[in-house]
């Protein structure tokens, strides 16, 4: 992980990447010439050889299967990455909101082989 400083790390919202080392979470500050809040855009930049990325697996399935990208630092992968659905608190949540959240949870579980 110490060698990350020698690479162009394509960043999302944070200047650090999370890893798991010896069972403990570790954050490593990374630097790069691209910052973007789109996982798809970061993946595209990595496929074009512009740098390293750290993204949730659901972005990477096709690119990994095709060989467009390869995993590195696999032994340090932090498995605890959340996806959040944010919506206003209501006493009685509209059915369409509940159905959407349930649908998204099911699709993400399928994509991750759960």
PDB file of N, CA and C in Angstrom:
ATOM      1  N   UNK A   1       0.811  -1.200   0.000  1.00  0.00           N
ATOM      2  CA  UNK A   1       0.000   0.000   0.000  1.00  0.00           C
ATOM      3  C   UNK A   1       0.852   1.261   0.000  1.00  0.00           C
ATOM      4  N   UNK A   2       2.049   1.153   0.525  1.00  0.00           N
ATOM      5  CA  UNK A   2       2.918   2.331   0.573  1.00  0.00           C
ATOM      6  C   UNK A   2       3.292   2.798  -0.825  1.00  0.00           C
ATOM      7  N   UNK A   3       3.191   1.910  -1.817  1.00  0.00           N
ATOM      8  CA  UNK A   3       3.557   2.270  -3.185  1.00  0.00           C
ATOM      9  C   UNK A   3       2.460   3.079  -3.894  1.00  0.00           C
ATOM     10  N   UNK A   4       1.311   3.239  -3.278  1.00  0.00           N
ATOM     11  CA  UNK A   4       0.243   4.025  -3.901  1.00  0.00           C
ATOM     12  C   UNK A   4       0.689   5.453  -4.185  1.00  0.00           C
ATOM     13  N   UNK A   5       1.579   5.993  -3.380  1.00  0.00           N
ATOM     14  CA  UNK A   5       2.051   7.368  -3.586  1.00  0.00           C
ATOM     15  C   UNK A   5       2.809   7.517  -4.895  1.00  0.00           C
ATOM     16  N   UNK A   6       3.248   6.414  -5.489  1.00  0.00           N
ATOM     17  CA  UNK A   6       3.983   6.443  -6.754  1.00  0.00           C
ATOM     18  C   UNK A   6       3.056   6.314  -7.966  1.00  0.00           C
ATOM     19  N   UNK A   7       1.751   6.242  -7.715  1.00  0.00           N
ATOM     20  CA  UNK A   7       0.780   6.045  -8.797  1.00  0.00           C
ATOM     21  C   UNK A   7      -0.244   7.169  -8.831  1.00  0.00           C
ATOM     22  N   UNK A   8      -0.816   7.369 -10.004  1.00  0.00           N
ATOM     23  CA  UNK A   8      -1.900   8.316 -10.170  1.00  0.00           C
ATOM     24  C   UNK A   8      -3.189   7.619  -9.720  1.00  0.00           C
ATOM     25  N   UNK A   9      -3.738   8.055  -8.605  1.00  0.00           N
ATOM     26  CA  UNK A   9      -4.951   7.449  -8.053  1.00  0.00           C
ATOM     27  C   UNK A   9      -6.149   8.312  -8.424  1.00  0.00           C
ATOM     28  N   UNK A  10      -7.060   7.736  -9.170  1.00  0.00           N
ATOM     29  CA  UNK A  10      -8.253   8.444  -9.635  1.00  0.00           C
ATOM     30  C   UNK A  10      -9.265   8.425  -8.494  1.00  0.00           C
ATOM     31  N   UNK A  11      -9.602   9.599  -7.991  1.00  0.00           N
ATOM     32  CA  UNK A  11     -10.346   9.710  -6.741  1.00  0.00           C
ATOM     33  C   UNK A  11     -11.800  10.096  -6.947  1.00  0.00           C
ATOM     34  N   UNK A  12     -12.589   9.611  -6.031  1.00  0.00           N
ATOM     35  CA  UNK A  12     -13.984  10.018  -5.946  1.00  0.00           C
ATOM     36  C   UNK A  12     -14.088  11.201  -4.991  1.00  0.00           C
ATOM     37  N   UNK A  13     -14.959  11.091  -4.018  1.00  0.00           N
ATOM     38  CA  UNK A  13     -15.214  12.198  -3.097  1.00  0.00           C
ATOM     39  C   UNK A  13     -14.154  12.359  -2.014  1.00  0.00           C
ATOM     40  N   UNK A  14     -13.347  11.334  -1.767  1.00  0.00           N
ATOM     41  CA  UNK A  14     -12.417  11.363  -0.647  1.00  0.00           C
ATOM     42  C   UNK A  14     -10.962  11.318  -1.110  1.00  0.00           C
ATOM     43  N   UNK A  15     -10.100  11.862  -0.279  1.00  0.00           N
ATOM     44  CA  UNK A  15      -8.663  11.845  -0.545  1.00  0.00           C
ATOM     45  C   UNK A  15      -7.992  10.615   0.045  1.00  0.00           C
ATOM     46  N   UNK A  16      -8.771   9.715   0.581  1.00  0.00           N
ATOM     47  CA  UNK A  16      -8.205   8.510   1.165  1.00  0.00           C
ATOM     48  C   UNK A  16      -8.959   7.283   0.665  1.00  0.00           C
ATOM     49  N   UNK A  17      -8.272   6.164   0.641  1.00  0.00           N
ATOM     50  CA  UNK A  17      -8.878   4.877   0.306  1.00  0.00           C
ATOM     51  C   UNK A  17      -8.836   3.992   1.533  1.00  0.00           C
ATOM     52  N   UNK A  18      -9.864   3.183   1.672  1.00  0.00           N
ATOM     53  CA  UNK A  18      -9.960   2.289   2.828  1.00  0.00           C
ATOM     54  C   UNK A  18      -9.472   0.898   2.465  1.00  0.00           C
ATOM     55  N   UNK A  19      -8.726   0.307   3.407  1.00  0.00           N
ATOM     56  CA  UNK A  19      -8.216  -1.048   3.258  1.00  0.00           C
ATOM     57  C   UNK A  19      -8.413  -1.790   4.580  1.00  0.00           C
ATOM     58  N   UNK A  20      -8.237  -3.084   4.539  1.00  0.00           N
ATOM     59  CA  UNK A  20      -8.244  -3.899   5.748  1.00  0.00           C
ATOM     60  C   UNK A  20      -6.895  -4.600   5.813  1.00  0.00           C
ATOM     61  N   UNK A  21      -6.187  -4.367   6.914  1.00  0.00           N
ATOM     62  CA  UNK A  21      -4.864  -4.955   7.109  1.00  0.00           C
ATOM     63  C   UNK A  21      -4.799  -5.565   8.504  1.00  0.00           C
ATOM     64  N   UNK A  22      -4.472  -6.843   8.576  1.00  0.00           N
ATOM     65  CA  UNK A  22      -4.421  -7.570   9.844  1.00  0.00           C
ATOM     66  C   UNK A  22      -5.732  -7.442  10.615  1.00  0.00           C
ATOM     67  N   UNK A  23      -6.856  -7.472   9.880  1.00  0.00           N
ATOM     68  CA  UNK A  23      -8.169  -7.420  10.505  1.00  0.00           C
ATOM     69  C   UNK A  23      -8.616  -6.038  10.946  1.00  0.00           C
ATOM     70  N   UNK A  24      -7.815  -5.015  10.681  1.00  0.00           N
ATOM     71  CA  UNK A  24      -8.158  -3.658  11.099  1.00  0.00           C
ATOM     72  C   UNK A  24      -8.303  -2.748   9.887  1.00  0.00           C
ATOM     73  N   UNK A  25      -9.237  -1.808   9.981  1.00  0.00           N
ATOM     74  CA  UNK A  25      -9.419  -0.850   8.897  1.00  0.00           C
ATOM     75  C   UNK A  25      -8.251   0.133   8.886  1.00  0.00           C
ATOM     76  N   UNK A  26      -7.807   0.445   7.679  1.00  0.00           N
ATOM     77  CA  UNK A  26      -6.709   1.396   7.495  1.00  0.00           C
ATOM     78  C   UNK A  26      -7.078   2.333   6.364  1.00  0.00           C
ATOM     79  N   UNK A  27      -6.872   3.621   6.567  1.00  0.00           N
ATOM     80  CA  UNK A  27      -7.108   4.619   5.533  1.00  0.00           C
ATOM     81  C   UNK A  27      -5.766   5.122   5.020  1.00  0.00           C
ATOM     82  N   UNK A  28      -5.647   5.205   3.702  1.00  0.00           N
ATOM     83  CA  UNK A  28      -4.407   5.652   3.074  1.00  0.00           C
ATOM     84  C   UNK A  28      -4.734   6.864   2.192  1.00  0.00           C
ATOM     85  N   UNK A  29      -4.031   7.957   2.428  1.00  0.00           N
ATOM     86  CA  UNK A  29      -4.238   9.162   1.607  1.00  0.00           C
ATOM     87  C   UNK A  29      -3.664   8.910   0.218  1.00  0.00           C
ATOM     88  N   UNK A  30      -4.444   9.242  -0.806  1.00  0.00           N
ATOM     89  CA  UNK A  30      -4.005   9.053  -2.185  1.00  0.00           C
ATOM     90  C   UNK A  30      -4.060  10.388  -2.922  1.00  0.00           C
ATOM     91  N   UNK A  31      -3.293  10.464  -3.992  1.00  0.00           N
ATOM     92  CA  UNK A  31      -3.239  11.680  -4.816  1.00  0.00           C
ATOM     93  C   UNK A  31      -3.361  11.276  -6.277  1.00  0.00           C
ATOM     94  N   UNK A  32      -3.942  12.177  -7.041  1.00  0.00           N
ATOM     95  CA  UNK A  32      -4.070  11.927  -8.460  1.00  0.00           C
ATOM     96  C   UNK A  32      -4.553  13.160  -9.190  1.00  0.00           C
ATOM     97  N   UNK A  33      -4.563  13.066 -10.513  1.00  0.00           N
ATOM     98  CA  UNK A  33      -4.924  14.235 -11.313  1.00  0.00           C
ATOM     99  C   UNK A  33      -6.393  14.267 -11.717  1.00  0.00           C
ATOM    100  N   UNK A  34      -7.186  13.306 -11.214  1.00  0.00           N
ATOM    101  CA  UNK A  34      -8.606  13.292 -11.556  1.00  0.00           C
ATOM    102  C   UNK A  34      -9.425  13.034 -10.311  1.00  0.00           C
ATOM    103  N   UNK A  35     -10.418  13.886 -10.107  1.00  0.00           N
ATOM    104  CA  UNK A  35     -11.395  13.703  -9.037  1.00  0.00           C
ATOM    105  C   UNK A  35     -12.767  13.810  -9.680  1.00  0.00           C
ATOM    106  N   UNK A  36     -13.618  12.839  -9.370  1.00  0.00           N
ATOM    107  CA  UNK A  36     -14.923  12.776 -10.026  1.00  0.00           C
ATOM    108  C   UNK A  36     -15.897  12.048  -9.108  1.00  0.00           C
ATOM    109  N   UNK A  37     -17.162  12.466  -9.108  1.00  0.00           N
ATOM    110  CA  UNK A  37     -18.137  11.785  -8.258  1.00  0.00           C
ATOM    111  C   UNK A  37     -18.929  10.726  -9.029  1.00  0.00           C
ATOM    112  N   UNK A  38     -18.429  10.309 -10.169  1.00  0.00           N
ATOM    113  CA  UNK A  38     -19.076   9.274 -10.978  1.00  0.00           C
ATOM    114  C   UNK A  38     -18.183   8.038 -11.045  1.00  0.00           C
ATOM    115  N   UNK A  39     -18.656   6.940 -10.464  1.00  0.00           N
ATOM    116  CA  UNK A  39     -17.903   5.699 -10.531  1.00  0.00           C
ATOM    117  C   UNK A  39     -17.700   5.225 -11.953  1.00  0.00           C
ATOM    118  N   UNK A  40     -18.695   5.438 -12.796  1.00  0.00           N
ATOM    119  CA  UNK A  40     -18.594   5.026 -14.200  1.00  0.00           C
ATOM    120  C   UNK A  40     -17.491   5.813 -14.911  1.00  0.00           C
ATOM    121  N   UNK A  41     -17.413   7.109 -14.639  1.00  0.00           N
ATOM    122  CA  UNK A  41     -16.370   7.929 -15.261  1.00  0.00           C
ATOM    123  C   UNK A  41     -14.983   7.530 -14.747  1.00  0.00           C
ATOM    124  N   UNK A  42     -14.873   7.225 -13.463  1.00  0.00           N
ATOM    125  CA  UNK A  42     -13.591   6.783 -12.917  1.00  0.00           C
ATOM    126  C   UNK A  42     -13.170   5.451 -13.529  1.00  0.00           C
ATOM    127  N   UNK A  43     -14.120   4.531 -13.664  1.00  0.00           N
ATOM    128  CA  UNK A  43     -13.816   3.244 -14.292  1.00  0.00           C
ATOM    129  C   UNK A  43     -13.364   3.445 -15.726  1.00  0.00           C
ATOM    130  N   UNK A  44     -14.041   4.302 -16.471  1.00  0.00           N
ATOM    131  CA  UNK A  44     -13.663   4.569 -17.857  1.00  0.00           C
ATOM    132  C   UNK A  44     -12.244   5.124 -17.932  1.00  0.00           C
ATOM    133  N   UNK A  45     -11.900   6.035 -17.032  1.00  0.00           N
ATOM    134  CA  UNK A  45     -10.549   6.601 -17.019  1.00  0.00           C
ATOM    135  C   UNK A  45      -9.509   5.521 -16.718  1.00  0.00           C
ATOM    136  N   UNK A  46      -9.825   4.621 -15.800  1.00  0.00           N
ATOM    137  CA  UNK A  46      -8.886   3.537 -15.476  1.00  0.00           C
ATOM    138  C   UNK A  46      -8.716   2.593 -16.663  1.00  0.00           C
ATOM    139  N   UNK A  47      -9.806   2.273 -17.341  1.00  0.00           N
ATOM    140  CA  UNK A  47      -9.726   1.410 -18.525  1.00  0.00           C
ATOM    141  C   UNK A  47      -8.843   2.044 -19.588  1.00  0.00           C
ATOM    142  N   UNK A  48      -8.870   3.360 -19.674  1.00  0.00           N
ATOM    143  CA  UNK A  48      -8.050   4.082 -20.651  1.00  0.00           C
ATOM    144  C   UNK A  48      -6.592   4.255 -20.180  1.00  0.00           C
ATOM    145  N   UNK A  49      -6.269   3.665 -19.021  1.00  0.00           N
ATOM    146  CA  UNK A  49      -4.893   3.685 -18.547  1.00  0.00           C
ATOM    147  C   UNK A  49      -4.481   4.941 -17.815  1.00  0.00           C
ATOM    148  N   UNK A  50      -5.438   5.713 -17.326  1.00  0.00           N
ATOM    149  CA  UNK A  50      -5.098   6.977 -16.690  1.00  0.00           C
ATOM    150  C   UNK A  50      -4.717   6.855 -15.223  1.00  0.00           C
ATOM    151  N   UNK A  51      -4.957   5.700 -14.605  1.00  0.00           N
ATOM    152  CA  UNK A  51      -4.566   5.553 -13.207  1.00  0.00           C
ATOM    153  C   UNK A  51      -5.285   4.410 -12.523  1.00  0.00           C
ATOM    154  N   UNK A  52      -5.087   4.348 -11.204  1.00  0.00           N
ATOM    155  CA  UNK A  52      -5.697   3.322 -10.370  1.00  0.00           C
ATOM    156  C   UNK A  52      -7.019   3.828  -9.806  1.00  0.00           C
ATOM    157  N   UNK A  53      -7.938   2.912  -9.541  1.00  0.00           N
ATOM    158  CA  UNK A  53      -9.220   3.275  -8.934  1.00  0.00           C
ATOM    159  C   UNK A  53      -9.508   2.336  -7.777  1.00  0.00           C
ATOM    160  N   UNK A  54     -10.339   2.810  -6.873  1.00  0.00           N
ATOM    161  CA  UNK A  54     -10.917   1.959  -5.835  1.00  0.00           C
ATOM    162  C   UNK A  54     -12.418   2.189  -5.892  1.00  0.00           C
ATOM    163  N   UNK A  55     -13.132   1.149  -6.358  1.00  0.00           N
ATOM    164  CA  UNK A  55     -14.577   1.229  -6.525  1.00  0.00           C
ATOM    165  C   UNK A  55     -15.238  -0.024  -5.967  1.00  0.00           C
ATOM    166  N   UNK A  56     -16.504   0.073  -5.595  1.00  0.00           N
ATOM    167  CA  UNK A  56     -17.236  -1.132  -5.196  1.00  0.00           C
ATOM    168  C   UNK A  56     -17.304  -2.123  -6.360  1.00  0.00           C
ATOM    169  N   UNK A  57     -17.365  -3.401  -6.017  1.00  0.00           N
ATOM    170  CA  UNK A  57     -17.343  -4.469  -7.024  1.00  0.00           C
ATOM    171  C   UNK A  57     -18.434  -4.351  -8.076  1.00  0.00           C
ATOM    172  N   UNK A  58     -19.609  -3.818  -7.715  1.00  0.00           N
ATOM    173  CA  UNK A  58     -20.690  -3.773  -8.695  1.00  0.00           C
ATOM    174  C   UNK A  58     -20.355  -2.892  -9.898  1.00  0.00           C
ATOM    175  N   UNK A  59     -19.421  -1.973  -9.772  1.00  0.00           N
ATOM    176  CA  UNK A  59     -18.966  -1.190 -10.925  1.00  0.00           C
ATOM    177  C   UNK A  59     -18.036  -2.012 -11.819  1.00  0.00           C
ATOM    178  N   UNK A  60     -17.375  -2.999 -11.241  1.00  0.00           N
ATOM    179  CA  UNK A  60     -16.232  -3.632 -11.890  1.00  0.00           C
ATOM    180  C   UNK A  60     -16.493  -4.981 -12.533  1.00  0.00           C
ATOM    181  N   UNK A  61     -17.637  -5.615 -12.263  1.00  0.00           N
ATOM    182  CA  UNK A  61     -17.870  -6.989 -12.715  1.00  0.00           C
ATOM    183  C   UNK A  61     -17.526  -7.197 -14.191  1.00  0.00           C
ATOM    184  N   UNK A  62     -18.095  -6.410 -15.070  1.00  0.00           N
ATOM    185  CA  UNK A  62     -17.880  -6.599 -16.509  1.00  0.00           C
ATOM    186  C   UNK A  62     -16.431  -6.308 -16.907  1.00  0.00           C
ATOM    187  N   UNK A  63     -15.875  -5.241 -16.369  1.00  0.00           N
ATOM    188  CA  UNK A  63     -14.499  -4.866 -16.735  1.00  0.00           C
ATOM    189  C   UNK A  63     -13.498  -5.907 -16.243  1.00  0.00           C
ATOM    190  N   UNK A  64     -13.751  -6.495 -15.077  1.00  0.00           N
ATOM    191  CA  UNK A  64     -12.870  -7.562 -14.586  1.00  0.00           C
ATOM    192  C   UNK A  64     -13.009  -8.814 -15.437  1.00  0.00           C
ATOM    193  N   UNK A  65     -14.256  -9.171 -15.775  1.00  0.00           N
ATOM    194  CA  UNK A  65     -14.499 -10.382 -16.568  1.00  0.00           C
ATOM    195  C   UNK A  65     -13.862 -10.276 -17.949  1.00  0.00           C
ATOM    196  N   UNK A  66     -13.869  -9.081 -18.528  1.00  0.00           N
ATOM    197  CA  UNK A  66     -13.309  -8.901 -19.865  1.00  0.00           C
ATOM    198  C   UNK A  66     -11.795  -8.711 -19.848  1.00  0.00           C
ATOM    199  N   UNK A  67     -11.238  -8.474 -18.668  1.00  0.00           N
ATOM    200  CA  UNK A  67      -9.803  -8.216 -18.578  1.00  0.00           C
ATOM    201  C   UNK A  67      -9.431  -6.766 -18.808  1.00  0.00           C
ATOM    202  N   UNK A  68     -10.434  -5.890 -18.909  1.00  0.00           N
ATOM    203  CA  UNK A  68     -10.162  -4.468 -19.119  1.00  0.00           C
ATOM    204  C   UNK A  68      -9.463  -3.853 -17.906  1.00  0.00           C
ATOM    205  N   UNK A  69      -9.747  -4.380 -16.727  1.00  0.00           N
ATOM    206  CA  UNK A  69      -9.053  -3.977 -15.505  1.00  0.00           C
ATOM    207  C   UNK A  69      -8.680  -5.238 -14.736  1.00  0.00           C
ATOM    208  N   UNK A  70      -7.717  -5.099 -13.855  1.00  0.00           N
ATOM    209  CA  UNK A  70      -7.310  -6.208 -12.990  1.00  0.00           C
ATOM    210  C   UNK A  70      -7.272  -5.691 -11.547  1.00  0.00           C
ATOM    211  N   UNK A  71      -7.524  -6.604 -10.618  1.00  0.00           N
ATOM    212  CA  UNK A  71      -7.467  -6.233  -9.203  1.00  0.00           C
ATOM    213  C   UNK A  71      -6.020  -6.242  -8.727  1.00  0.00           C
ATOM    214  N   UNK A  72      -5.696  -5.262  -7.915  1.00  0.00           N
ATOM    215  CA  UNK A  72      -4.416  -5.219  -7.211  1.00  0.00           C
ATOM    216  C   UNK A  72      -4.725  -4.975  -5.738  1.00  0.00           C
ATOM    217  N   UNK A  73      -3.810  -5.309  -4.879  1.00  0.00           N
ATOM    218  CA  UNK A  73      -3.997  -5.165  -3.433  1.00  0.00           C
ATOM    219  C   UNK A  73      -5.239  -5.909  -2.948  1.00  0.00           C
ATOM    220  N   UNK A  74      -5.541  -7.010  -3.606  1.00  0.00           N
ATOM    221  CA  UNK A  74      -6.726  -7.801  -3.285  1.00  0.00           C
ATOM    222  C   UNK A  74      -6.745  -8.266  -1.837  1.00  0.00           C
ATOM    223  N   UNK A  75      -5.587  -8.591  -1.296  1.00  0.00           N
ATOM    224  CA  UNK A  75      -5.513  -9.085   0.079  1.00  0.00           C
ATOM    225  C   UNK A  75      -5.910  -8.022   1.099  1.00  0.00           C
ATOM    226  N   UNK A  76      -5.956  -6.765   0.686  1.00  0.00           N
ATOM    227  CA  UNK A  76      -6.268  -5.670   1.596  1.00  0.00           C
ATOM    228  C   UNK A  76      -7.674  -5.105   1.376  1.00  0.00           C
ATOM    229  N   UNK A  77      -8.480  -5.783   0.561  1.00  0.00           N
ATOM    230  CA  UNK A  77      -9.811  -5.273   0.225  1.00  0.00           C
ATOM    231  C   UNK A  77     -10.679  -5.195   1.473  1.00  0.00           C
ATOM    232  N   UNK A  78     -11.288  -4.033   1.677  1.00  0.00           N
ATOM    233  CA  UNK A  78     -12.217  -3.829   2.781  1.00  0.00           C
ATOM    234  C   UNK A  78     -13.609  -4.198   2.291  1.00  0.00           C
ATOM    235  N   UNK A  79     -14.214  -5.185   2.890  1.00  0.00           N
ATOM    236  CA  UNK A  79     -15.511  -5.700   2.421  1.00  0.00           C
ATOM    237  C   UNK A  79     -16.686  -4.868   2.916  1.00  0.00           C
ATOM    238  N   UNK A  80     -16.469  -3.925   3.800  1.00  0.00           N
ATOM    239  CA  UNK A  80     -17.560  -3.170   4.405  1.00  0.00           C
ATOM    240  C   UNK A  80     -17.821  -1.863   3.664  1.00  0.00           C
ATOM    241  N   UNK A  81     -18.395  -1.928   2.513  1.00  0.00           N
ATOM    242  CA  UNK A  81     -18.726  -0.719   1.754  1.00  0.00           C
ATOM    243  C   UNK A  81     -20.235  -0.618   1.647  1.00  0.00           C
ATOM    244  N   UNK A  82     -20.791   0.467   2.101  1.00  0.00           N
ATOM    245  CA  UNK A  82     -22.236   0.613   2.126  1.00  0.00           C
ATOM    246  C   UNK A  82     -22.769   1.416   0.949  1.00  0.00           C
ATOM    247  N   UNK A  83     -24.023   1.181   0.686  1.00  0.00           N
ATOM    248  CA  UNK A  83     -24.776   1.985  -0.275  1.00  0.00           C
ATOM    249  C   UNK A  83     -25.988   2.497   0.482  1.00  0.00           C
ATOM    250  N   UNK A  84     -26.273   3.763   0.349  1.00  0.00           N
ATOM    251  CA  UNK A  84     -27.303   4.372   1.169  1.00  0.00           C
ATOM    252  C   UNK A  84     -28.425   4.927   0.308  1.00  0.00           C
ATOM    253  N   UNK A  85     -29.640   4.733   0.764  1.00  0.00           N
ATOM    254  CA  UNK A  85     -30.810   5.360   0.144  1.00  0.00           C
ATOM    255  C   UNK A  85     -31.275   6.446   1.107  1.00  0.00           C
ATOM    256  N   UNK A  86     -31.283   7.681   0.671  1.00  0.00           N
ATOM    257  CA  UNK A  86     -31.683   8.805   1.515  1.00  0.00           C
ATOM    258  C   UNK A  86     -33.012   9.361   1.038  1.00  0.00           C
ATOM    259  N   UNK A  87     -33.922   9.538   1.967  1.00  0.00           N
ATOM    260  CA  UNK A  87     -35.222  10.101   1.645  1.00  0.00           C
ATOM    261  C   UNK A  87     -35.768  10.757   2.902  1.00  0.00           C
ATOM    262  N   UNK A  88     -36.694  11.720   2.741  1.00  0.00           N
ATOM    263  CA  UNK A  88     -37.224  12.426   3.914  1.00  0.00           C
ATOM    264  C   UNK A  88     -37.934  11.462   4.872  1.00  0.00           C
ATOM    265  N   UNK A  89     -37.779  11.719   6.160  1.00  0.00           N
ATOM    266  CA  UNK A  89     -38.469  10.913   7.167  1.00  0.00           C
ATOM    267  C   UNK A  89     -39.961  11.241   7.132  1.00  0.00           C
ATOM    268  N   UNK A  90     -40.746  10.232   7.115  1.00  0.00           N
ATOM    269  CA  UNK A  90     -42.199  10.406   7.175  1.00  0.00           C
ATOM    270  C   UNK A  90     -42.763   9.323   8.068  1.00  0.00           C
ATOM    271  N   UNK A  91     -43.810   9.675   8.757  1.00  0.00           N
ATOM    272  CA  UNK A  91     -44.472   8.693   9.613  1.00  0.00           C
ATOM    273  C   UNK A  91     -44.947   7.517   8.778  1.00  0.00           C
ATOM    274  N   UNK A  92     -45.596   7.818   7.674  1.00  0.00           N
ATOM    275  CA  UNK A  92     -46.077   6.780   6.762  1.00  0.00           C
ATOM    276  C   UNK A  92     -45.356   6.960   5.431  1.00  0.00           C
ATOM    277  N   UNK A  93     -44.383   6.136   5.200  1.00  0.00           N
ATOM    278  CA  UNK A  93     -43.584   6.226   3.982  1.00  0.00           C
ATOM    279  C   UNK A  93     -44.438   5.839   2.773  1.00  0.00           C
ATOM    280  N   UNK A  94     -44.384   6.610   1.675  1.00  0.00           N
ATOM    281  CA  UNK A  94     -45.145   6.229   0.483  1.00  0.00           C
ATOM    282  C   UNK A  94     -44.720   4.843  -0.010  1.00  0.00           C
ATOM    283  N   UNK A  95     -45.662   4.091  -0.474  1.00  0.00           N
ATOM    284  CA  UNK A  95     -45.399   2.742  -0.960  1.00  0.00           C
ATOM    285  C   UNK A  95     -44.375   2.750  -2.087  1.00  0.00           C
ATOM    286  N   UNK A  96     -44.421   3.744  -2.962  1.00  0.00           N
ATOM    287  CA  UNK A  96     -43.484   3.774  -4.094  1.00  0.00           C
ATOM    288  C   UNK A  96     -42.040   3.912  -3.618  1.00  0.00           C
ATOM    289  N   UNK A  97     -41.808   4.629  -2.515  1.00  0.00           N
ATOM    290  CA  UNK A  97     -40.451   4.753  -1.968  1.00  0.00           C
ATOM    291  C   UNK A  97     -39.997   3.404  -1.408  1.00  0.00           C
ATOM    292  N   UNK A  98     -40.851   2.758  -0.638  1.00  0.00           N
ATOM    293  CA  UNK A  98     -40.518   1.442  -0.082  1.00  0.00           C
ATOM    294  C   UNK A  98     -40.247   0.436  -1.189  1.00  0.00           C
ATOM    295  N   UNK A  99     -41.075   0.429  -2.225  1.00  0.00           N
ATOM    296  CA  UNK A  99     -40.885  -0.508  -3.334  1.00  0.00           C
ATOM    297  C   UNK A  99     -39.570  -0.252  -4.070  1.00  0.00           C
ATOM    298  N   UNK A 100     -39.233   1.015  -4.265  1.00  0.00           N
ATOM    299  CA  UNK A 100     -37.975   1.352  -4.936  1.00  0.00           C
ATOM    300  C   UNK A 100     -36.774   0.883  -4.116  1.00  0.00           C
ATOM    301  N   UNK A 101     -36.763   1.174  -2.828  1.00  0.00           N
ATOM    302  CA  UNK A 101     -35.649   0.766  -1.971  1.00  0.00           C
ATOM    303  C   UNK A 101     -35.538  -0.757  -1.945  1.00  0.00           C
ATOM    304  N   UNK A 102     -36.660  -1.461  -1.835  1.00  0.00           N
ATOM    305  CA  UNK A 102     -36.639  -2.929  -1.836  1.00  0.00           C
ATOM    306  C   UNK A 102     -36.104  -3.471  -3.165  1.00  0.00           C
ATOM    307  N   UNK A 103     -36.522  -2.865  -4.279  1.00  0.00           N
ATOM    308  CA  UNK A 103     -36.055  -3.282  -5.601  1.00  0.00           C
ATOM    309  C   UNK A 103     -34.541  -3.082  -5.739  1.00  0.00           C
ATOM    310  N   UNK A 104     -34.052  -1.918  -5.323  1.00  0.00           N
ATOM    311  CA  UNK A 104     -32.625  -1.639  -5.428  1.00  0.00           C
ATOM    312  C   UNK A 104     -31.809  -2.595  -4.560  1.00  0.00           C
ATOM    313  N   UNK A 105     -32.282  -2.867  -3.366  1.00  0.00           N
ATOM    314  CA  UNK A 105     -31.584  -3.807  -2.476  1.00  0.00           C
ATOM    315  C   UNK A 105     -31.520  -5.195  -3.121  1.00  0.00           C
ATOM    316  N   UNK A 106     -32.586  -5.642  -3.727  1.00  0.00           N
ATOM    317  CA  UNK A 106     -32.621  -6.958  -4.380  1.00  0.00           C
ATOM    318  C   UNK A 106     -31.652  -6.999  -5.564  1.00  0.00           C
ATOM    319  N   UNK A 107     -31.655  -5.965  -6.394  1.00  0.00           N
ATOM    320  CA  UNK A 107     -30.780  -5.935  -7.563  1.00  0.00           C
ATOM    321  C   UNK A 107     -29.314  -5.891  -7.169  1.00  0.00           C
ATOM    322  N   UNK A 108     -28.987  -5.121  -6.138  1.00  0.00           N
ATOM    323  CA  UNK A 108     -27.593  -5.058  -5.689  1.00  0.00           C
ATOM    324  C   UNK A 108     -27.153  -6.371  -5.076  1.00  0.00           C
ATOM    325  N   UNK A 109     -28.052  -7.030  -4.373  1.00  0.00           N
ATOM    326  CA  UNK A 109     -27.724  -8.337  -3.801  1.00  0.00           C
ATOM    327  C   UNK A 109     -27.469  -9.351  -4.927  1.00  0.00           C
ATOM    328  N   UNK A 110     -28.274  -9.319  -5.979  1.00  0.00           N
ATOM    329  CA  UNK A 110     -28.064 -10.213  -7.125  1.00  0.00           C
ATOM    330  C   UNK A 110     -26.726  -9.922  -7.805  1.00  0.00           C
ATOM    331  N   UNK A 111     -26.422  -8.643  -7.977  1.00  0.00           N
ATOM    332  CA  UNK A 111     -25.175  -8.246  -8.638  1.00  0.00           C
ATOM    333  C   UNK A 111     -23.952  -8.699  -7.849  1.00  0.00           C
ATOM    334  N   UNK A 112     -24.094  -8.781  -6.540  1.00  0.00           N
ATOM    335  CA  UNK A 112     -22.972  -9.191  -5.680  1.00  0.00           C
ATOM    336  C   UNK A 112     -23.008 -10.672  -5.347  1.00  0.00           C
ATOM    337  N   UNK A 113     -23.919 -11.415  -5.973  1.00  0.00           N
ATOM    338  CA  UNK A 113     -23.971 -12.853  -5.777  1.00  0.00           C
ATOM    339  C   UNK A 113     -24.484 -13.277  -4.418  1.00  0.00           C
ATOM    340  N   UNK A 114     -25.263 -12.420  -3.782  1.00  0.00           N
ATOM    341  CA  UNK A 114     -25.809 -12.747  -2.452  1.00  0.00           C
ATOM    342  C   UNK A 114     -27.124 -13.467  -2.604  1.00  0.00           C
TER     343      UNK A 114
END
